[in-house]
PDB file of N, CA and C in Angstrom:
ATOM      1  N   MET A   1      -4.132  -3.199 -16.874  1.00  0.00           N
ATOM      2  CA  MET A   1      -5.526  -3.561 -16.696  1.00  0.00           C
ATOM      3  C   MET A   1      -5.741  -3.951 -15.234  1.00  0.00           C
ATOM      4  N   HIS A   2      -6.861  -3.552 -14.690  1.00  0.00           N
ATOM      5  CA  HIS A   2      -7.169  -3.834 -13.298  1.00  0.00           C
ATOM      6  C   HIS A   2      -8.112  -5.020 -13.200  1.00  0.00           C
ATOM      7  N   SER A   3      -7.999  -5.737 -12.113  1.00  0.00           N
ATOM      8  CA  SER A   3      -8.864  -6.891 -11.882  1.00  0.00           C
ATOM      9  C   SER A   3     -10.320  -6.450 -11.799  1.00  0.00           C
ATOM     10  N   LYS A   4     -11.205  -7.236 -12.384  1.00  0.00           N
ATOM     11  CA  LYS A   4     -12.636  -6.957 -12.294  1.00  0.00           C
ATOM     12  C   LYS A   4     -13.246  -7.653 -11.090  1.00  0.00           C
ATOM     13  N   GLY A   5     -12.460  -8.496 -10.450  1.00  0.00           N
ATOM     14  CA  GLY A   5     -12.949  -9.244  -9.303  1.00  0.00           C
ATOM     15  C   GLY A   5     -12.592  -8.598  -7.977  1.00  0.00           C
ATOM     16  N   ARG A   6     -12.839  -9.344  -6.914  1.00  0.00           N
ATOM     17  CA  ARG A   6     -12.560  -8.865  -5.567  1.00  0.00           C
ATOM     18  C   ARG A   6     -11.068  -8.923  -5.265  1.00  0.00           C
ATOM     19  N   TYR A   7     -10.637  -8.076  -4.345  1.00  0.00           N
ATOM     20  CA  TYR A   7      -9.277  -8.099  -3.824  1.00  0.00           C
ATOM     21  C   TYR A   7      -9.356  -8.780  -2.460  1.00  0.00           C
ATOM     22  N   ILE A   8      -8.669  -9.919  -2.348  1.00  0.00           N
ATOM     23  CA  ILE A   8      -8.778 -10.767  -1.165  1.00  0.00           C
ATOM     24  C   ILE A   8      -7.386 -11.031  -0.609  1.00  0.00           C
ATOM     25  N   LEU A   9      -7.268 -10.950   0.717  1.00  0.00           N
ATOM     26  CA  LEU A   9      -5.998 -11.259   1.379  1.00  0.00           C
ATOM     27  C   LEU A   9      -5.742 -12.763   1.347  1.00  0.00           C
ATOM     28  N   VAL A  10      -4.510 -13.164   1.570  1.00  0.00           N
ATOM     29  CA  VAL A  10      -4.172 -14.592   1.582  1.00  0.00           C
ATOM     30  C   VAL A  10      -4.896 -15.328   2.701  1.00  0.00           C
ATOM     31  N   ASN A  11      -5.377 -14.613   3.708  1.00  0.00           N
ATOM     32  CA  ASN A  11      -6.116 -15.259   4.795  1.00  0.00           C
ATOM     33  C   ASN A  11      -7.616 -15.321   4.521  1.00  0.00           C
ATOM     34  N   GLY A  12      -8.048 -14.881   3.321  1.00  0.00           N
ATOM     35  CA  GLY A  12      -9.441 -14.994   2.908  1.00  0.00           C
ATOM     36  C   GLY A  12     -10.297 -13.760   3.144  1.00  0.00           C
ATOM     37  N   LEU A  13      -9.812 -12.767   3.873  1.00  0.00           N
ATOM     38  CA  LEU A  13     -10.593 -11.552   4.118  1.00  0.00           C
ATOM     39  C   LEU A  13     -10.642 -10.684   2.862  1.00  0.00           C
ATOM     40  N   VAL A  14     -11.819 -10.146   2.578  1.00  0.00           N
ATOM     41  CA  VAL A  14     -11.999  -9.278   1.412  1.00  0.00           C
ATOM     42  C   VAL A  14     -11.512  -7.875   1.751  1.00  0.00           C
ATOM     43  N   VAL A  15     -10.658  -7.338   0.887  1.00  0.00           N
ATOM     44  CA  VAL A  15     -10.164  -5.971   1.024  1.00  0.00           C
ATOM     45  C   VAL A  15     -11.110  -5.011   0.306  1.00  0.00           C
ATOM     46  N   ALA A  16     -11.487  -5.354  -0.918  1.00  0.00           N
ATOM     47  CA  ALA A  16     -12.366  -4.507  -1.726  1.00  0.00           C
ATOM     48  C   ALA A  16     -13.103  -5.375  -2.742  1.00  0.00           C
ATOM     49  N   ALA A  17     -14.327  -4.967  -3.071  1.00  0.00           N
ATOM     50  CA  ALA A  17     -15.151  -5.732  -4.006  1.00  0.00           C
ATOM     51  C   ALA A  17     -14.608  -5.699  -5.429  1.00  0.00           C
ATOM     52  N   ASP A  18     -13.926  -4.620  -5.793  1.00  0.00           N
ATOM     53  CA  ASP A  18     -13.377  -4.466  -7.139  1.00  0.00           C
ATOM     54  C   ASP A  18     -12.407  -3.288  -7.136  1.00  0.00           C
ATOM     55  N   TRP A  19     -11.872  -2.954  -8.320  1.00  0.00           N
ATOM     56  CA  TRP A  19     -10.897  -1.868  -8.424  1.00  0.00           C
ATOM     57  C   TRP A  19     -11.474  -0.553  -7.921  1.00  0.00           C
ATOM     58  N   GLU A  20     -12.694  -0.242  -8.329  1.00  0.00           N
ATOM     59  CA  GLU A  20     -13.307   1.019  -7.912  1.00  0.00           C
ATOM     60  C   GLU A  20     -13.421   1.106  -6.390  1.00  0.00           C
ATOM     61  N   ALA A  21     -13.769   0.019  -5.745  1.00  0.00           N
ATOM     62  CA  ALA A  21     -13.851   0.002  -4.281  1.00  0.00           C
ATOM     63  C   ALA A  21     -12.463   0.137  -3.667  1.00  0.00           C
ATOM     64  N   LEU A  22     -11.445  -0.457  -4.304  1.00  0.00           N
ATOM     65  CA  LEU A  22     -10.080  -0.372  -3.794  1.00  0.00           C
ATOM     66  C   LEU A  22      -9.575   1.067  -3.794  1.00  0.00           C
ATOM     67  N   ILE A  23      -9.863   1.814  -4.846  1.00  0.00           N
ATOM     68  CA  ILE A  23      -9.351   3.176  -4.944  1.00  0.00           C
ATOM     69  C   ILE A  23     -10.297   4.217  -4.343  1.00  0.00           C
ATOM     70  N   SER A  24     -11.402   3.777  -3.753  1.00  0.00           N
ATOM     71  CA  SER A  24     -12.370   4.711  -3.168  1.00  0.00           C
ATOM     72  C   SER A  24     -11.844   5.394  -1.922  1.00  0.00           C
ATOM     73  N   GLY A  25     -10.823   4.810  -1.295  1.00  0.00           N
ATOM     74  CA  GLY A  25     -10.279   5.386  -0.067  1.00  0.00           C
ATOM     75  C   GLY A  25     -10.755   4.683   1.181  1.00  0.00           C
ATOM     76  N   ALA A  26     -11.707   3.747   1.057  1.00  0.00           N
ATOM     77  CA  ALA A  26     -12.200   2.994   2.210  1.00  0.00           C
ATOM     78  C   ALA A  26     -12.177   1.503   1.884  1.00  0.00           C
ATOM     79  N   LEU A  27     -11.429   0.751   2.675  1.00  0.00           N
ATOM     80  CA  LEU A  27     -11.315  -0.701   2.469  1.00  0.00           C
ATOM     81  C   LEU A  27     -12.234  -1.455   3.416  1.00  0.00           C
ATOM     82  N   GLU A  28     -12.643  -2.665   3.021  1.00  0.00           N
ATOM     83  CA  GLU A  28     -13.444  -3.515   3.902  1.00  0.00           C
ATOM     84  C   GLU A  28     -12.595  -4.052   5.049  1.00  0.00           C
ATOM     85  N   ASN A  29     -11.370  -4.433   4.754  1.00  0.00           N
ATOM     86  CA  ASN A  29     -10.423  -4.922   5.751  1.00  0.00           C
ATOM     87  C   ASN A  29      -9.049  -4.359   5.427  1.00  0.00           C
ATOM     88  N   ALA A  30      -8.262  -4.153   6.453  1.00  0.00           N
ATOM     89  CA  ALA A  30      -6.902  -3.638   6.267  1.00  0.00           C
ATOM     90  C   ALA A  30      -6.041  -4.655   5.523  1.00  0.00           C
ATOM     91  N   ILE A  31      -5.092  -4.153   4.750  1.00  0.00           N
ATOM     92  CA  ILE A  31      -4.137  -5.014   4.042  1.00  0.00           C
ATOM     93  C   ILE A  31      -2.973  -5.254   5.000  1.00  0.00           C
ATOM     94  N   ASN A  32      -3.220  -6.114   5.975  1.00  0.00           N
ATOM     95  CA  ASN A  32      -2.234  -6.333   7.039  1.00  0.00           C
ATOM     96  C   ASN A  32      -1.880  -7.795   7.227  1.00  0.00           C
ATOM     97  N   ALA A  33      -1.976  -8.580   6.160  1.00  0.00           N
ATOM     98  CA  ALA A  33      -1.572  -9.987   6.208  1.00  0.00           C
ATOM     99  C   ALA A  33      -0.337 -10.174   5.335  1.00  0.00           C
ATOM    100  N   THR A  34       0.650 -10.885   5.865  1.00  0.00           N
ATOM    101  CA  THR A  34       1.845 -11.180   5.075  1.00  0.00           C
ATOM    102  C   THR A  34       1.545 -12.315   4.107  1.00  0.00           C
ATOM    103  N   GLU A  35       2.512 -12.619   3.257  1.00  0.00           N
ATOM    104  CA  GLU A  35       2.344 -13.718   2.301  1.00  0.00           C
ATOM    105  C   GLU A  35       2.137 -15.064   2.990  1.00  0.00           C
ATOM    106  N   SER A  36       2.484 -15.169   4.280  1.00  0.00           N
ATOM    107  CA  SER A  36       2.272 -16.414   5.027  1.00  0.00           C
ATOM    108  C   SER A  36       1.124 -16.273   6.024  1.00  0.00           C
ATOM    109  N   SER A  37       0.229 -15.321   5.784  1.00  0.00           N
ATOM    110  CA  SER A  37      -0.983 -15.075   6.575  1.00  0.00           C
ATOM    111  C   SER A  37      -0.717 -14.604   7.998  1.00  0.00           C
ATOM    112  N   GLU A  38       0.467 -14.113   8.273  1.00  0.00           N
ATOM    113  CA  GLU A  38       0.744 -13.541   9.587  1.00  0.00           C
ATOM    114  C   GLU A  38       0.297 -12.088   9.587  1.00  0.00           C
ATOM    115  N   VAL A  39      -0.084 -11.580  10.759  1.00  0.00           N
ATOM    116  CA  VAL A  39      -0.523 -10.196  10.859  1.00  0.00           C
ATOM    117  C   VAL A  39       0.684  -9.269  10.785  1.00  0.00           C
ATOM    118  N   ALA A  40       0.599  -8.317   9.875  1.00  0.00           N
ATOM    119  CA  ALA A  40       1.670  -7.332   9.698  1.00  0.00           C
ATOM    120  C   ALA A  40       1.277  -6.043  10.402  1.00  0.00           C
ATOM    121  N   GLY A  41       2.243  -5.221  10.648  1.00  0.00           N
ATOM    122  CA  GLY A  41       1.985  -3.922  11.248  1.00  0.00           C
ATOM    123  C   GLY A  41       2.989  -2.915  10.728  1.00  0.00           C
ATOM    124  N   GLY A  42       2.677  -1.654  10.915  1.00  0.00           N
ATOM    125  CA  GLY A  42       3.622  -0.615  10.559  1.00  0.00           C
ATOM    126  C   GLY A  42       3.419  -0.043   9.184  1.00  0.00           C
ATOM    127  N   GLY A  43       4.487   0.592   8.696  1.00  0.00           N
ATOM    128  CA  GLY A  43       4.444   1.304   7.434  1.00  0.00           C
ATOM    129  C   GLY A  43       4.665   0.396   6.239  1.00  0.00           C
ATOM    130  N   VAL A  44       4.224   0.904   5.081  1.00  0.00           N
ATOM    131  CA  VAL A  44       4.364   0.173   3.829  1.00  0.00           C
ATOM    132  C   VAL A  44       4.635   1.183   2.716  1.00  0.00           C
ATOM    133  N   TRP A  45       5.608   0.852   1.850  1.00  0.00           N
ATOM    134  CA  TRP A  45       5.901   1.722   0.714  1.00  0.00           C
ATOM    135  C   TRP A  45       4.783   1.619  -0.317  1.00  0.00           C
ATOM    136  N   THR A  46       4.300   2.760  -0.805  1.00  0.00           N
ATOM    137  CA  THR A  46       3.326   2.762  -1.889  1.00  0.00           C
ATOM    138  C   THR A  46       3.686   3.793  -2.951  1.00  0.00           C
ATOM    139  N   GLY A  47       3.993   5.011  -2.521  1.00  0.00           N
ATOM    140  CA  GLY A  47       4.270   6.090  -3.466  1.00  0.00           C
ATOM    141  C   GLY A  47       3.023   6.664  -4.093  1.00  0.00           C
ATOM    142  N   THR A  48       1.849   6.143  -3.711  1.00  0.00           N
ATOM    143  CA  THR A  48       0.609   6.582  -4.341  1.00  0.00           C
ATOM    144  C   THR A  48      -0.437   7.014  -3.326  1.00  0.00           C
ATOM    145  N   LEU A  49      -1.347   7.811  -3.811  1.00  0.00           N
ATOM    146  CA  LEU A  49      -2.546   8.164  -3.065  1.00  0.00           C
ATOM    147  C   LEU A  49      -3.535   7.005  -3.203  1.00  0.00           C
ATOM    148  N   PRO A  50      -4.608   6.973  -2.415  1.00  0.00           N
ATOM    149  CA  PRO A  50      -5.559   5.863  -2.530  1.00  0.00           C
ATOM    150  C   PRO A  50      -6.149   5.683  -3.927  1.00  0.00           C
ATOM    151  N   ASN A  51      -6.232   6.762  -4.720  1.00  0.00           N
ATOM    152  CA  ASN A  51      -6.805   6.651  -6.067  1.00  0.00           C
ATOM    153  C   ASN A  51      -5.812   6.146  -7.104  1.00  0.00           C
ATOM    154  N   GLY A  52      -4.593   5.831  -6.686  1.00  0.00           N
ATOM    155  CA  GLY A  52      -3.592   5.294  -7.593  1.00  0.00           C
ATOM    156  C   GLY A  52      -2.648   6.318  -8.190  1.00  0.00           C
ATOM    157  N   GLN A  53      -2.915   7.598  -7.989  1.00  0.00           N
ATOM    158  CA  GLN A  53      -2.021   8.625  -8.508  1.00  0.00           C
ATOM    159  C   GLN A  53      -0.791   8.752  -7.610  1.00  0.00           C
ATOM    160  N   GLN A  54       0.323   9.160  -8.224  1.00  0.00           N
ATOM    161  CA  GLN A  54       1.559   9.330  -7.457  1.00  0.00           C
ATOM    162  C   GLN A  54       1.362  10.397  -6.393  1.00  0.00           C
ATOM    163  N   ALA A  55       1.822  10.100  -5.193  1.00  0.00           N
ATOM    164  CA  ALA A  55       1.745  11.058  -4.086  1.00  0.00           C
ATOM    165  C   ALA A  55       2.659  12.235  -4.384  1.00  0.00           C
ATOM    166  N   PHE A  56       2.151  13.433  -4.213  1.00  0.00           N
ATOM    167  CA  PHE A  56       2.896  14.643  -4.499  1.00  0.00           C
ATOM    168  C   PHE A  56       4.174  14.691  -3.670  1.00  0.00           C
ATOM    169  N   GLY A  57       5.278  14.943  -4.335  1.00  0.00           N
ATOM    170  CA  GLY A  57       6.549  15.116  -3.648  1.00  0.00           C
ATOM    171  C   GLY A  57       7.213  13.839  -3.180  1.00  0.00           C
ATOM    172  N   SER A  58       6.677  12.685  -3.583  1.00  0.00           N
ATOM    173  CA  SER A  58       7.329  11.444  -3.163  1.00  0.00           C
ATOM    174  C   SER A  58       7.811  10.668  -4.388  1.00  0.00           C
ATOM    175  N   SER A  59       8.850   9.902  -4.186  1.00  0.00           N
ATOM    176  CA  SER A  59       9.417   9.101  -5.268  1.00  0.00           C
ATOM    177  C   SER A  59       9.088   7.633  -5.015  1.00  0.00           C
ATOM    178  N   PHE A  60       9.630   6.781  -5.870  1.00  0.00           N
ATOM    179  CA  PHE A  60       9.468   5.338  -5.698  1.00  0.00           C
ATOM    180  C   PHE A  60      10.776   4.693  -5.246  1.00  0.00           C
ATOM    181  N   CYS A  61      11.643   5.486  -4.621  1.00  0.00           N
ATOM    182  CA  CYS A  61      12.880   5.005  -3.983  1.00  0.00           C
ATOM    183  C   CYS A  61      13.627   3.987  -4.846  1.00  0.00           C
ATOM    184  N   GLU A  62      13.916   4.406  -6.093  1.00  0.00           N
ATOM    185  CA  GLU A  62      14.631   3.528  -7.037  1.00  0.00           C
ATOM    186  C   GLU A  62      13.941   2.179  -7.163  1.00  0.00           C
ATOM    187  N   ASP A  63      12.639   2.222  -7.444  1.00  0.00           N
ATOM    188  CA  ASP A  63      11.796   1.015  -7.556  1.00  0.00           C
ATOM    189  C   ASP A  63      11.833   0.181  -6.278  1.00  0.00           C
ATOM    190  N   TRP A  64      11.847   0.857  -5.135  1.00  0.00           N
ATOM    191  CA  TRP A  64      11.831   0.239  -3.800  1.00  0.00           C
ATOM    192  C   TRP A  64      13.048  -0.638  -3.567  1.00  0.00           C
ATOM    193  N   ASP A  65      14.131  -0.293  -4.239  1.00  0.00           N
ATOM    194  CA  ASP A  65      15.372  -1.046  -4.072  1.00  0.00           C
ATOM    195  C   ASP A  65      16.450  -0.191  -3.425  1.00  0.00           C
ATOM    196  N   GLY A  66      16.038   0.877  -2.768  1.00  0.00           N
ATOM    197  CA  GLY A  66      17.035   1.712  -2.114  1.00  0.00           C
ATOM    198  C   GLY A  66      16.728   3.172  -2.246  1.00  0.00           C
ATOM    199  N   GLY A  67      17.723   3.920  -2.556  1.00  0.00           N
ATOM    200  CA  GLY A  67      17.614   5.370  -2.605  1.00  0.00           C
ATOM    201  C   GLY A  67      18.444   5.950  -1.489  1.00  0.00           C
ATOM    202  N   ASP A  68      18.748   7.206  -1.621  1.00  0.00           N
ATOM    203  CA  ASP A  68      19.577   7.806  -0.579  1.00  0.00           C
ATOM    204  C   ASP A  68      18.717   8.280   0.588  1.00  0.00           C
ATOM    205  N   ASP A  69      19.377   8.615   1.668  1.00  0.00           N
ATOM    206  CA  ASP A  69      18.683   9.007   2.883  1.00  0.00           C
ATOM    207  C   ASP A  69      18.022  10.372   2.784  1.00  0.00           C
ATOM    208  N   LEU A  70      18.283  11.135   1.714  1.00  0.00           N
ATOM    209  CA  LEU A  70      17.651  12.434   1.548  1.00  0.00           C
ATOM    210  C   LEU A  70      16.392  12.351   0.699  1.00  0.00           C
ATOM    211  N   GLU A  71      16.247  11.276  -0.078  1.00  0.00           N
ATOM    212  CA  GLU A  71      15.089  11.073  -0.943  1.00  0.00           C
ATOM    213  C   GLU A  71      13.938  10.500  -0.115  1.00  0.00           C
ATOM    214  N   GLN A  72      12.701  10.921  -0.438  1.00  0.00           N
ATOM    215  CA  GLN A  72      11.544  10.413   0.290  1.00  0.00           C
ATOM    216  C   GLN A  72      10.575   9.712  -0.640  1.00  0.00           C
ATOM    217  N   GLY A  73      10.020   8.612  -0.151  1.00  0.00           N
ATOM    218  CA  GLY A  73       9.002   7.868  -0.870  1.00  0.00           C
ATOM    219  C   GLY A  73       7.699   7.919  -0.105  1.00  0.00           C
ATOM    220  N   GLY A  74       6.598   7.738  -0.813  1.00  0.00           N
ATOM    221  CA  GLY A  74       5.291   7.758  -0.171  1.00  0.00           C
ATOM    222  C   GLY A  74       5.043   6.479   0.610  1.00  0.00           C
ATOM    223  N   ALA A  75       4.518   6.629   1.824  1.00  0.00           N
ATOM    224  CA  ALA A  75       4.288   5.472   2.691  1.00  0.00           C
ATOM    225  C   ALA A  75       2.878   5.502   3.264  1.00  0.00           C
ATOM    226  N   GLY A  76       2.284   4.334   3.348  1.00  0.00           N
ATOM    227  CA  GLY A  76       0.983   4.162   3.980  1.00  0.00           C
ATOM    228  C   GLY A  76       1.141   3.357   5.255  1.00  0.00           C
ATOM    229  N   VAL A  77       0.000   3.027   5.876  1.00  0.00           N
ATOM    230  CA  VAL A  77      -0.023   2.251   7.118  1.00  0.00           C
ATOM    231  C   VAL A  77      -0.902   1.031   6.889  1.00  0.00           C
ATOM    232  N   CYS A  78      -0.329  -0.161   6.983  1.00  0.00           N
ATOM    233  CA  CYS A  78      -1.055  -1.370   6.606  1.00  0.00           C
ATOM    234  C   CYS A  78      -2.232  -1.704   7.524  1.00  0.00           C
ATOM    235  N   ALA A  79      -2.309  -1.132   8.706  1.00  0.00           N
ATOM    236  CA  ALA A  79      -3.423  -1.411   9.618  1.00  0.00           C
ATOM    237  C   ALA A  79      -4.639  -0.510   9.359  1.00  0.00           C
ATOM    238  N   GLN A  80      -4.533   0.430   8.435  1.00  0.00           N
ATOM    239  CA  GLN A  80      -5.602   1.389   8.174  1.00  0.00           C
ATOM    240  C   GLN A  80      -6.561   0.900   7.088  1.00  0.00           C
ATOM    241  N   THR A  81      -7.824   1.284   7.222  1.00  0.00           N
ATOM    242  CA  THR A  81      -8.815   0.991   6.183  1.00  0.00           C
ATOM    243  C   THR A  81      -9.304   2.265   5.504  1.00  0.00           C
ATOM    244  N   ASP A  82      -8.890   3.428   6.007  1.00  0.00           N
ATOM    245  CA  ASP A  82      -9.209   4.685   5.330  1.00  0.00           C
ATOM    246  C   ASP A  82      -8.091   4.988   4.335  1.00  0.00           C
ATOM    247  N   GLY A  83      -8.046   6.183   3.809  1.00  0.00           N
ATOM    248  CA  GLY A  83      -7.049   6.542   2.804  1.00  0.00           C
ATOM    249  C   GLY A  83      -5.612   6.401   3.260  1.00  0.00           C
ATOM    250  N   PHE A  84      -5.383   6.330   4.565  1.00  0.00           N
ATOM    251  CA  PHE A  84      -4.019   6.180   5.083  1.00  0.00           C
ATOM    252  C   PHE A  84      -3.416   4.809   4.765  1.00  0.00           C
ATOM    253  N   TRP A  85      -4.225   3.848   4.288  1.00  0.00           N
ATOM    254  CA  TRP A  85      -3.665   2.547   3.899  1.00  0.00           C
ATOM    255  C   TRP A  85      -2.663   2.734   2.766  1.00  0.00           C
ATOM    256  N   SER A  86      -2.921   3.755   1.933  1.00  0.00           N
ATOM    257  CA  SER A  86      -2.073   3.984   0.768  1.00  0.00           C
ATOM    258  C   SER A  86      -1.069   5.108   0.981  1.00  0.00           C
ATOM    259  N   PHE A  87      -1.505   6.179   1.616  1.00  0.00           N
ATOM    260  CA  PHE A  87      -0.573   7.279   1.850  1.00  0.00           C
ATOM    261  C   PHE A  87      -0.872   7.948   3.182  1.00  0.00           C
ATOM    262  N   PHE A  88       0.131   7.937   4.052  1.00  0.00           N
ATOM    263  CA  PHE A  88       0.051   8.619   5.334  1.00  0.00           C
ATOM    264  C   PHE A  88       1.013   9.793   5.357  1.00  0.00           C
ATOM    265  N   GLU A  89       2.256   9.525   4.938  1.00  0.00           N
ATOM    266  CA  GLU A  89       3.273  10.563   4.913  1.00  0.00           C
ATOM    267  C   GLU A  89       4.479  10.063   4.119  1.00  0.00           C
ATOM    268  N   PRO A  90       5.333  10.968   3.681  1.00  0.00           N
ATOM    269  CA  PRO A  90       6.580  10.534   3.055  1.00  0.00           C
ATOM    270  C   PRO A  90       7.526   9.966   4.121  1.00  0.00           C
ATOM    271  N   ASP A  91       8.356   9.055   3.722  1.00  0.00           N
ATOM    272  CA  ASP A  91       9.372   8.505   4.618  1.00  0.00           C
ATOM    273  C   ASP A  91      10.675   8.437   3.831  1.00  0.00           C
ATOM    274  N   TYR A  92      11.785   8.480   4.542  1.00  0.00           N
ATOM    275  CA  TYR A  92      13.086   8.469   3.866  1.00  0.00           C
ATOM    276  C   TYR A  92      13.370   7.105   3.256  1.00  0.00           C
ATOM    277  N   CYS A  93      13.854   7.106   2.024  1.00  0.00           N
ATOM    278  CA  CYS A  93      14.081   5.877   1.261  1.00  0.00           C
ATOM    279  C   CYS A  93      15.083   4.935   1.917  1.00  0.00           C
ATOM    280  N   GLY A  94      15.930   5.428   2.786  1.00  0.00           N
ATOM    281  CA  GLY A  94      16.889   4.571   3.467  1.00  0.00           C
ATOM    282  C   GLY A  94      16.256   3.671   4.510  1.00  0.00           C
ATOM    283  N   GLY A  95      14.973   3.902   4.833  1.00  0.00           N
ATOM    284  CA  GLY A  95      14.282   3.098   5.839  1.00  0.00           C
ATOM    285  C   GLY A  95      13.783   1.774   5.285  1.00  0.00           C
ATOM    286  N   THR A  96      13.358   0.906   6.172  1.00  0.00           N
ATOM    287  CA  THR A  96      12.853  -0.407   5.777  1.00  0.00           C
ATOM    288  C   THR A  96      11.362  -0.486   6.070  1.00  0.00           C
ATOM    289  N   LEU A  97      10.557  -0.592   5.014  1.00  0.00           N
ATOM    290  CA  LEU A  97       9.115  -0.760   5.144  1.00  0.00           C
ATOM    291  C   LEU A  97       8.688  -1.939   4.284  1.00  0.00           C
ATOM    292  N   SER A  98       7.485  -2.415   4.511  1.00  0.00           N
ATOM    293  CA  SER A  98       6.925  -3.509   3.703  1.00  0.00           C
ATOM    294  C   SER A  98       6.437  -2.976   2.358  1.00  0.00           C
ATOM    295  N   LEU A  99       6.068  -3.879   1.467  1.00  0.00           N
ATOM    296  CA  LEU A  99       5.456  -3.552   0.185  1.00  0.00           C
ATOM    297  C   LEU A  99       4.169  -4.327   0.045  1.00  0.00           C
ATOM    298  N   TYR A 100       3.165  -3.724  -0.579  1.00  0.00           N
ATOM    299  CA  TYR A 100       1.939  -4.451  -0.935  1.00  0.00           C
ATOM    300  C   TYR A 100       2.220  -5.239  -2.211  1.00  0.00           C
ATOM    301  N   CYS A 101       1.600  -6.384  -2.338  1.00  0.00           N
ATOM    302  CA  CYS A 101       1.699  -7.167  -3.575  1.00  0.00           C
ATOM    303  C   CYS A 101       0.286  -7.518  -4.023  1.00  0.00           C
ATOM    304  N   PHE A 102      -0.107  -7.045  -5.215  1.00  0.00           N
ATOM    305  CA  PHE A 102      -1.422  -7.315  -5.771  1.00  0.00           C
ATOM    306  C   PHE A 102      -1.251  -8.256  -6.957  1.00  0.00           C
ATOM    307  N   GLU A 103      -2.145  -9.229  -7.086  1.00  0.00           N
ATOM    308  CA  GLU A 103      -2.099 -10.169  -8.206  1.00  0.00           C
ATOM    309  C   GLU A 103      -3.439 -10.165  -8.902  1.00  0.00           C
ATOM    310  N   ASN A 104      -3.425 -10.077 -10.235  1.00  0.00           N
ATOM    311  CA  ASN A 104      -4.673 -10.161 -11.011  1.00  0.00           C
ATOM    312  C   ASN A 104      -5.004 -11.602 -11.274  1.00  0.00           C
TER     313      ASN A 104
END
């Protein structure tokens, strides 16, 4: 079940008004705050397109706990507010990227 409320960063900035706005492909603010409200940058593991569907040809890198260097997982860019927030390109599972954490 998806939240019926707004998606808000730990620093108080609104990301999306609701689930439909979150998966629309355009965010109000980038999801670039860490759990301690510091500004994050770079890539983030998602494995999904902005609409929530699995990105074609990408895996979930053994539930983001590893994977071999030949396997690729879907990655987004946390500084983006367009569809690239969720999926920009595949990246090799052996790399180190951040993860988004959503709470209902």
